[in-house]
């Protein structure tokens, strides 16, 4: 079994978090996104396609010997 662990991903769920940050702090949408993205060395939210690509790879023959791993899809976030 492997686990895919995405960082903050550009999804409806994270959009709700962005709205919460905006309403509770008065920050703009860009500032709220920057707050979530600041932990990602790439400085952005992860895309759903990036997470899906990791899953597709894990399901491919090229990953047949990969087992018991945690795959972080978080742009280098530690």
PDB file of N, CA and C in Angstrom:
ATOM      1  N   UNK A   1       0.836  -1.159   0.000  1.00  0.00           N
ATOM      2  CA  UNK A   1       0.000   0.000   0.000  1.00  0.00           C
ATOM      3  C   UNK A   1       0.892   1.235   0.000  1.00  0.00           C
ATOM      4  N   UNK A   2       0.493   2.234  -0.756  1.00  0.00           N
ATOM      5  CA  UNK A   2       1.161   3.526  -0.794  1.00  0.00           C
ATOM      6  C   UNK A   2       0.160   4.611  -0.418  1.00  0.00           C
ATOM      7  N   UNK A   3       0.669   5.721   0.020  1.00  0.00           N
ATOM      8  CA  UNK A   3      -0.184   6.862   0.353  1.00  0.00           C
ATOM      9  C   UNK A   3       0.265   8.070  -0.460  1.00  0.00           C
ATOM     10  N   UNK A   4      -0.681   8.771  -1.053  1.00  0.00           N
ATOM     11  CA  UNK A   4      -0.412  10.024  -1.748  1.00  0.00           C
ATOM     12  C   UNK A   4      -0.914  11.146  -0.850  1.00  0.00           C
ATOM     13  N   UNK A   5      -0.014  12.050  -0.484  1.00  0.00           N
ATOM     14  CA  UNK A   5      -0.338  13.103   0.471  1.00  0.00           C
ATOM     15  C   UNK A   5      -0.133  14.476  -0.186  1.00  0.00           C
ATOM     16  N   UNK A   6      -1.209  15.051  -0.693  1.00  0.00           N
ATOM     17  CA  UNK A   6      -1.066  16.353  -1.340  1.00  0.00           C
ATOM     18  C   UNK A   6      -0.953  17.494  -0.328  1.00  0.00           C
ATOM     19  N   UNK A   7      -0.253  18.530  -0.748  1.00  0.00           N
ATOM     20  CA  UNK A   7      -0.252  19.768   0.024  1.00  0.00           C
ATOM     21  C   UNK A   7      -1.549  20.503  -0.258  1.00  0.00           C
ATOM     22  N   UNK A   8      -1.596  21.781   0.084  1.00  0.00           N
ATOM     23  CA  UNK A   8      -2.800  22.559  -0.209  1.00  0.00           C
ATOM     24  C   UNK A   8      -3.029  22.536  -1.716  1.00  0.00           C
ATOM     25  N   UNK A   9      -4.191  22.013  -2.101  1.00  0.00           N
ATOM     26  CA  UNK A   9      -4.503  21.778  -3.506  1.00  0.00           C
ATOM     27  C   UNK A   9      -5.631  22.691  -3.948  1.00  0.00           C
ATOM     28  N   UNK A  10      -5.540  23.180  -5.157  1.00  0.00           N
ATOM     29  CA  UNK A  10      -6.541  24.092  -5.719  1.00  0.00           C
ATOM     30  C   UNK A  10      -7.840  23.327  -5.983  1.00  0.00           C
ATOM     31  N   UNK A  11      -8.647  23.192  -4.932  1.00  0.00           N
ATOM     32  CA  UNK A  11      -9.918  22.457  -4.985  1.00  0.00           C
ATOM     33  C   UNK A  11     -11.004  23.282  -4.305  1.00  0.00           C
ATOM     34  N   UNK A  12     -12.231  22.800  -4.403  1.00  0.00           N
ATOM     35  CA  UNK A  12     -13.344  23.477  -3.730  1.00  0.00           C
ATOM     36  C   UNK A  12     -13.143  23.504  -2.215  1.00  0.00           C
ATOM     37  N   UNK A  13     -12.567  22.443  -1.656  1.00  0.00           N
ATOM     38  CA  UNK A  13     -12.333  22.394  -0.218  1.00  0.00           C
ATOM     39  C   UNK A  13     -11.378  23.505   0.212  1.00  0.00           C
ATOM     40  N   UNK A  14     -10.289  23.676  -0.509  1.00  0.00           N
ATOM     41  CA  UNK A  14      -9.329  24.724  -0.176  1.00  0.00           C
ATOM     42  C   UNK A  14      -9.918  26.107  -0.473  1.00  0.00           C
ATOM     43  N   UNK A  15     -10.771  26.199  -1.489  1.00  0.00           N
ATOM     44  CA  UNK A  15     -11.441  27.475  -1.767  1.00  0.00           C
ATOM     45  C   UNK A  15     -12.256  27.917  -0.555  1.00  0.00           C
ATOM     46  N   UNK A  16     -12.887  26.954   0.127  1.00  0.00           N
ATOM     47  CA  UNK A  16     -13.620  27.275   1.358  1.00  0.00           C
ATOM     48  C   UNK A  16     -12.687  27.793   2.438  1.00  0.00           C
ATOM     49  N   UNK A  17     -11.509  27.206   2.536  1.00  0.00           N
ATOM     50  CA  UNK A  17     -10.516  27.677   3.508  1.00  0.00           C
ATOM     51  C   UNK A  17     -10.048  29.080   3.173  1.00  0.00           C
ATOM     52  N   UNK A  18      -9.874  29.331   1.900  1.00  0.00           N
ATOM     53  CA  UNK A  18      -9.472  30.675   1.459  1.00  0.00           C
ATOM     54  C   UNK A  18     -10.550  31.682   1.833  1.00  0.00           C
ATOM     55  N   UNK A  19     -11.813  31.331   1.601  1.00  0.00           N
ATOM     56  CA  UNK A  19     -12.919  32.212   1.986  1.00  0.00           C
ATOM     57  C   UNK A  19     -12.922  32.467   3.491  1.00  0.00           C
ATOM     58  N   UNK A  20     -12.648  31.427   4.287  1.00  0.00           N
ATOM     59  CA  UNK A  20     -12.581  31.594   5.744  1.00  0.00           C
ATOM     60  C   UNK A  20     -11.453  32.531   6.146  1.00  0.00           C
ATOM     61  N   UNK A  21     -10.295  32.363   5.539  1.00  0.00           N
ATOM     62  CA  UNK A  21      -9.169  33.246   5.847  1.00  0.00           C
ATOM     63  C   UNK A  21      -9.542  34.686   5.515  1.00  0.00           C
ATOM     64  N   UNK A  22     -10.176  34.880   4.358  1.00  0.00           N
ATOM     65  CA  UNK A  22     -10.564  36.228   3.947  1.00  0.00           C
ATOM     66  C   UNK A  22     -11.550  36.846   4.939  1.00  0.00           C
ATOM     67  N   UNK A  23     -12.564  36.072   5.327  1.00  0.00           N
ATOM     68  CA  UNK A  23     -13.599  36.630   6.201  1.00  0.00           C
ATOM     69  C   UNK A  23     -13.094  36.876   7.618  1.00  0.00           C
ATOM     70  N   UNK A  24     -12.186  36.048   8.093  1.00  0.00           N
ATOM     71  CA  UNK A  24     -11.713  36.181   9.476  1.00  0.00           C
ATOM     72  C   UNK A  24     -10.553  37.152   9.627  1.00  0.00           C
ATOM     73  N   UNK A  25      -9.811  37.392   8.536  1.00  0.00           N
ATOM     74  CA  UNK A  25      -8.620  38.241   8.664  1.00  0.00           C
ATOM     75  C   UNK A  25      -8.701  39.527   7.859  1.00  0.00           C
ATOM     76  N   UNK A  26      -9.670  39.610   6.944  1.00  0.00           N
ATOM     77  CA  UNK A  26      -9.766  40.787   6.099  1.00  0.00           C
ATOM     78  C   UNK A  26      -8.747  40.806   4.966  1.00  0.00           C
ATOM     79  N   UNK A  27      -8.039  39.703   4.795  1.00  0.00           N
ATOM     80  CA  UNK A  27      -7.055  39.622   3.713  1.00  0.00           C
ATOM     81  C   UNK A  27      -7.758  39.477   2.375  1.00  0.00           C
ATOM     82  N   UNK A  28      -7.067  39.863   1.318  1.00  0.00           N
ATOM     83  CA  UNK A  28      -7.593  39.678  -0.035  1.00  0.00           C
ATOM     84  C   UNK A  28      -7.467  38.200  -0.419  1.00  0.00           C
ATOM     85  N   UNK A  29      -8.109  37.812  -1.514  1.00  0.00           N
ATOM     86  CA  UNK A  29      -8.015  36.430  -2.006  1.00  0.00           C
ATOM     87  C   UNK A  29      -6.553  36.076  -2.289  1.00  0.00           C
ATOM     88  N   UNK A  30      -5.834  36.974  -2.944  1.00  0.00           N
ATOM     89  CA  UNK A  30      -4.417  36.715  -3.257  1.00  0.00           C
ATOM     90  C   UNK A  30      -3.587  36.548  -1.990  1.00  0.00           C
ATOM     91  N   UNK A  31      -3.865  37.365  -0.985  1.00  0.00           N
ATOM     92  CA  UNK A  31      -3.133  37.249   0.285  1.00  0.00           C
ATOM     93  C   UNK A  31      -3.458  35.938   0.990  1.00  0.00           C
ATOM     94  N   UNK A  32      -4.719  35.516   0.925  1.00  0.00           N
ATOM     95  CA  UNK A  32      -5.122  34.260   1.563  1.00  0.00           C
ATOM     96  C   UNK A  32      -4.468  33.072   0.859  1.00  0.00           C
ATOM     97  N   UNK A  33      -4.435  33.097  -0.459  1.00  0.00           N
ATOM     98  CA  UNK A  33      -3.776  32.027  -1.212  1.00  0.00           C
ATOM     99  C   UNK A  33      -2.284  32.017  -0.887  1.00  0.00           C
ATOM    100  N   UNK A  34      -1.675  33.182  -0.825  1.00  0.00           N
ATOM    101  CA  UNK A  34      -0.249  33.281  -0.498  1.00  0.00           C
ATOM    102  C   UNK A  34       0.035  32.694   0.880  1.00  0.00           C
ATOM    103  N   UNK A  35      -0.882  32.878   1.817  1.00  0.00           N
ATOM    104  CA  UNK A  35      -0.707  32.328   3.163  1.00  0.00           C
ATOM    105  C   UNK A  35      -0.648  30.797   3.115  1.00  0.00           C
ATOM    106  N   UNK A  36      -1.511  30.190   2.311  1.00  0.00           N
ATOM    107  CA  UNK A  36      -1.503  28.733   2.191  1.00  0.00           C
ATOM    108  C   UNK A  36      -0.321  28.250   1.356  1.00  0.00           C
ATOM    109  N   UNK A  37       0.048  29.004   0.341  1.00  0.00           N
ATOM    110  CA  UNK A  37       1.106  28.586  -0.574  1.00  0.00           C
ATOM    111  C   UNK A  37       2.508  28.863  -0.031  1.00  0.00           C
ATOM    112  N   UNK A  38       2.628  29.621   1.039  1.00  0.00           N
ATOM    113  CA  UNK A  38       3.961  30.004   1.513  1.00  0.00           C
ATOM    114  C   UNK A  38       4.788  28.816   1.996  1.00  0.00           C
ATOM    115  N   UNK A  39       4.135  27.711   2.331  1.00  0.00           N
ATOM    116  CA  UNK A  39       4.865  26.530   2.787  1.00  0.00           C
ATOM    117  C   UNK A  39       5.353  25.681   1.618  1.00  0.00           C
ATOM    118  N   UNK A  40       4.877  25.970   0.421  1.00  0.00           N
ATOM    119  CA  UNK A  40       5.261  25.244  -0.785  1.00  0.00           C
ATOM    120  C   UNK A  40       6.435  25.993  -1.413  1.00  0.00           C
ATOM    121  N   UNK A  41       7.621  25.375  -1.494  1.00  0.00           N
ATOM    122  CA  UNK A  41       8.763  26.066  -2.091  1.00  0.00           C
ATOM    123  C   UNK A  41       8.509  26.568  -3.512  1.00  0.00           C
ATOM    124  N   UNK A  42       7.539  25.984  -4.216  1.00  0.00           N
ATOM    125  CA  UNK A  42       7.198  26.466  -5.543  1.00  0.00           C
ATOM    126  C   UNK A  42       6.307  27.700  -5.473  1.00  0.00           C
ATOM    127  N   UNK A  43       5.813  28.031  -4.267  1.00  0.00           N
ATOM    128  CA  UNK A  43       5.028  29.246  -4.067  1.00  0.00           C
ATOM    129  C   UNK A  43       3.650  29.215  -4.686  1.00  0.00           C
ATOM    130  N   UNK A  44       3.052  28.029  -4.760  1.00  0.00           N
ATOM    131  CA  UNK A  44       1.733  27.927  -5.388  1.00  0.00           C
ATOM    132  C   UNK A  44       0.944  26.801  -4.733  1.00  0.00           C
ATOM    133  N   UNK A  45      -0.351  26.786  -5.025  1.00  0.00           N
ATOM    134  CA  UNK A  45      -1.156  25.646  -4.626  1.00  0.00           C
ATOM    135  C   UNK A  45      -0.881  24.506  -5.595  1.00  0.00           C
ATOM    136  N   UNK A  46      -0.965  23.287  -5.109  1.00  0.00           N
ATOM    137  CA  UNK A  46      -0.826  22.101  -5.949  1.00  0.00           C
ATOM    138  C   UNK A  46      -2.093  21.996  -6.802  1.00  0.00           C
ATOM    139  N   UNK A  47      -1.962  21.488  -8.022  1.00  0.00           N
ATOM    140  CA  UNK A  47      -3.148  21.288  -8.857  1.00  0.00           C
ATOM    141  C   UNK A  47      -3.665  19.866  -8.684  1.00  0.00           C
ATOM    142  N   UNK A  48      -4.955  19.695  -8.918  1.00  0.00           N
ATOM    143  CA  UNK A  48      -5.550  18.358  -8.848  1.00  0.00           C
ATOM    144  C   UNK A  48      -4.896  17.433  -9.871  1.00  0.00           C
ATOM    145  N   UNK A  49      -4.513  17.964 -11.022  1.00  0.00           N
ATOM    146  CA  UNK A  49      -3.850  17.156 -12.053  1.00  0.00           C
ATOM    147  C   UNK A  49      -2.504  16.635 -11.558  1.00  0.00           C
ATOM    148  N   UNK A  50      -1.781  17.433 -10.781  1.00  0.00           N
ATOM    149  CA  UNK A  50      -0.494  16.978 -10.250  1.00  0.00           C
ATOM    150  C   UNK A  50      -0.682  15.805  -9.291  1.00  0.00           C
ATOM    151  N   UNK A  51      -1.715  15.865  -8.480  1.00  0.00           N
ATOM    152  CA  UNK A  51      -2.019  14.757  -7.564  1.00  0.00           C
ATOM    153  C   UNK A  51      -2.439  13.529  -8.371  1.00  0.00           C
ATOM    154  N   UNK A  52      -3.309  13.728  -9.352  1.00  0.00           N
ATOM    155  CA  UNK A  52      -3.774  12.621 -10.191  1.00  0.00           C
ATOM    156  C   UNK A  52      -2.615  11.978 -10.934  1.00  0.00           C
ATOM    157  N   UNK A  53      -1.668  12.767 -11.418  1.00  0.00           N
ATOM    158  CA  UNK A  53      -0.511  12.214 -12.131  1.00  0.00           C
ATOM    159  C   UNK A  53       0.291  11.282 -11.232  1.00  0.00           C
ATOM    160  N   UNK A  54       0.440  11.638  -9.973  1.00  0.00           N
ATOM    161  CA  UNK A  54       1.164  10.771  -9.034  1.00  0.00           C
ATOM    162  C   UNK A  54       0.419   9.453  -8.835  1.00  0.00           C
ATOM    163  N   UNK A  55      -0.897   9.525  -8.721  1.00  0.00           N
ATOM    164  CA  UNK A  55      -1.703   8.313  -8.547  1.00  0.00           C
ATOM    165  C   UNK A  55      -1.614   7.437  -9.796  1.00  0.00           C
ATOM    166  N   UNK A  56      -1.729   8.048 -10.968  1.00  0.00           N
ATOM    167  CA  UNK A  56      -1.636   7.285 -12.224  1.00  0.00           C
ATOM    168  C   UNK A  56      -0.281   6.597 -12.310  1.00  0.00           C
ATOM    169  N   UNK A  57       0.780   7.316 -11.952  1.00  0.00           N
ATOM    170  CA  UNK A  57       2.103   6.708 -11.981  1.00  0.00           C
ATOM    171  C   UNK A  57       2.172   5.509 -11.034  1.00  0.00           C
ATOM    172  N   UNK A  58       1.633   5.659  -9.821  1.00  0.00           N
ATOM    173  CA  UNK A  58       1.658   4.551  -8.864  1.00  0.00           C
ATOM    174  C   UNK A  58       0.889   3.334  -9.381  1.00  0.00           C
ATOM    175  N   UNK A  59      -0.083   3.567 -10.231  1.00  0.00           N
ATOM    176  CA  UNK A  59      -0.875   2.471 -10.805  1.00  0.00           C
ATOM    177  C   UNK A  59      -0.231   1.889 -12.063  1.00  0.00           C
ATOM    178  N   UNK A  60       0.853   2.472 -12.516  1.00  0.00           N
ATOM    179  CA  UNK A  60       1.489   2.046 -13.764  1.00  0.00           C
ATOM    180  C   UNK A  60       2.535   0.962 -13.505  1.00  0.00           C
ATOM    181  N   UNK A  61       2.903   0.232 -14.553  1.00  0.00           N
ATOM    182  CA  UNK A  61       3.955  -0.776 -14.414  1.00  0.00           C
ATOM    183  C   UNK A  61       5.288  -0.194 -13.929  1.00  0.00           C
ATOM    184  N   UNK A  62       5.546   1.068 -14.237  1.00  0.00           N
ATOM    185  CA  UNK A  62       6.794   1.697 -13.814  1.00  0.00           C
ATOM    186  C   UNK A  62       6.948   1.817 -12.316  1.00  0.00           C
ATOM    187  N   UNK A  63       5.858   1.716 -11.586  1.00  0.00           N
ATOM    188  CA  UNK A  63       5.903   1.819 -10.130  1.00  0.00           C
ATOM    189  C   UNK A  63       5.632   0.474  -9.465  1.00  0.00           C
ATOM    190  N   UNK A  64       5.795  -0.612 -10.214  1.00  0.00           N
ATOM    191  CA  UNK A  64       5.426  -1.930  -9.694  1.00  0.00           C
ATOM    192  C   UNK A  64       6.222  -2.352  -8.459  1.00  0.00           C
ATOM    193  N   UNK A  65       7.407  -1.807  -8.272  1.00  0.00           N
ATOM    194  CA  UNK A  65       8.207  -2.167  -7.094  1.00  0.00           C
ATOM    195  C   UNK A  65       8.127  -1.117  -5.988  1.00  0.00           C
ATOM    196  N   UNK A  66       7.267  -0.144  -6.161  1.00  0.00           N
ATOM    197  CA  UNK A  66       7.097   0.894  -5.150  1.00  0.00           C
ATOM    198  C   UNK A  66       5.966   0.449  -4.224  1.00  0.00           C
ATOM    199  N   UNK A  67       6.298   0.217  -2.978  1.00  0.00           N
ATOM    200  CA  UNK A  67       5.288  -0.216  -2.025  1.00  0.00           C
ATOM    201  C   UNK A  67       5.644   0.292  -0.628  1.00  0.00           C
ATOM    202  N   UNK A  68       4.618   0.569   0.134  1.00  0.00           N
ATOM    203  CA  UNK A  68       4.828   1.046   1.500  1.00  0.00           C
ATOM    204  C   UNK A  68       5.402   2.439   1.570  1.00  0.00           C
ATOM    205  N   UNK A  69       5.108   3.265   0.557  1.00  0.00           N
ATOM    206  CA  UNK A  69       5.678   4.607   0.510  1.00  0.00           C
ATOM    207  C   UNK A  69       4.611   5.678   0.738  1.00  0.00           C
ATOM    208  N   UNK A  70       5.061   6.781   1.265  1.00  0.00           N
ATOM    209  CA  UNK A  70       4.240   7.975   1.371  1.00  0.00           C
ATOM    210  C   UNK A  70       4.777   8.962   0.339  1.00  0.00           C
ATOM    211  N   UNK A  71       3.940   9.301  -0.615  1.00  0.00           N
ATOM    212  CA  UNK A  71       4.345  10.197  -1.701  1.00  0.00           C
ATOM    213  C   UNK A  71       3.735  11.567  -1.436  1.00  0.00           C
ATOM    214  N   UNK A  72       4.581  12.521  -1.106  1.00  0.00           N
ATOM    215  CA  UNK A  72       4.103  13.892  -0.896  1.00  0.00           C
ATOM    216  C   UNK A  72       4.066  14.612  -2.234  1.00  0.00           C
ATOM    217  N   UNK A  73       2.903  15.124  -2.575  1.00  0.00           N
ATOM    218  CA  UNK A  73       2.743  15.940  -3.774  1.00  0.00           C
ATOM    219  C   UNK A  73       2.469  17.343  -3.249  1.00  0.00           C
ATOM    220  N   UNK A  74       3.548  18.021  -2.893  1.00  0.00           N
ATOM    221  CA  UNK A  74       3.409  19.284  -2.172  1.00  0.00           C
ATOM    222  C   UNK A  74       4.457  20.301  -2.587  1.00  0.00           C
ATOM    223  N   UNK A  75       5.046  20.123  -3.757  1.00  0.00           N
ATOM    224  CA  UNK A  75       5.995  21.106  -4.264  1.00  0.00           C
ATOM    225  C   UNK A  75       7.242  21.264  -3.436  1.00  0.00           C
ATOM    226  N   UNK A  76       7.604  20.238  -2.678  1.00  0.00           N
ATOM    227  CA  UNK A  76       8.812  20.299  -1.860  1.00  0.00           C
ATOM    228  C   UNK A  76       8.558  20.674  -0.413  1.00  0.00           C
ATOM    229  N   UNK A  77       7.290  20.857  -0.055  1.00  0.00           N
ATOM    230  CA  UNK A  77       6.946  21.193   1.327  1.00  0.00           C
ATOM    231  C   UNK A  77       7.402  20.077   2.260  1.00  0.00           C
ATOM    232  N   UNK A  78       7.946  20.457   3.381  1.00  0.00           N
ATOM    233  CA  UNK A  78       8.405  19.472   4.357  1.00  0.00           C
ATOM    234  C   UNK A  78       7.456  19.449   5.526  1.00  0.00           C
TER     235      UNK A  78
END
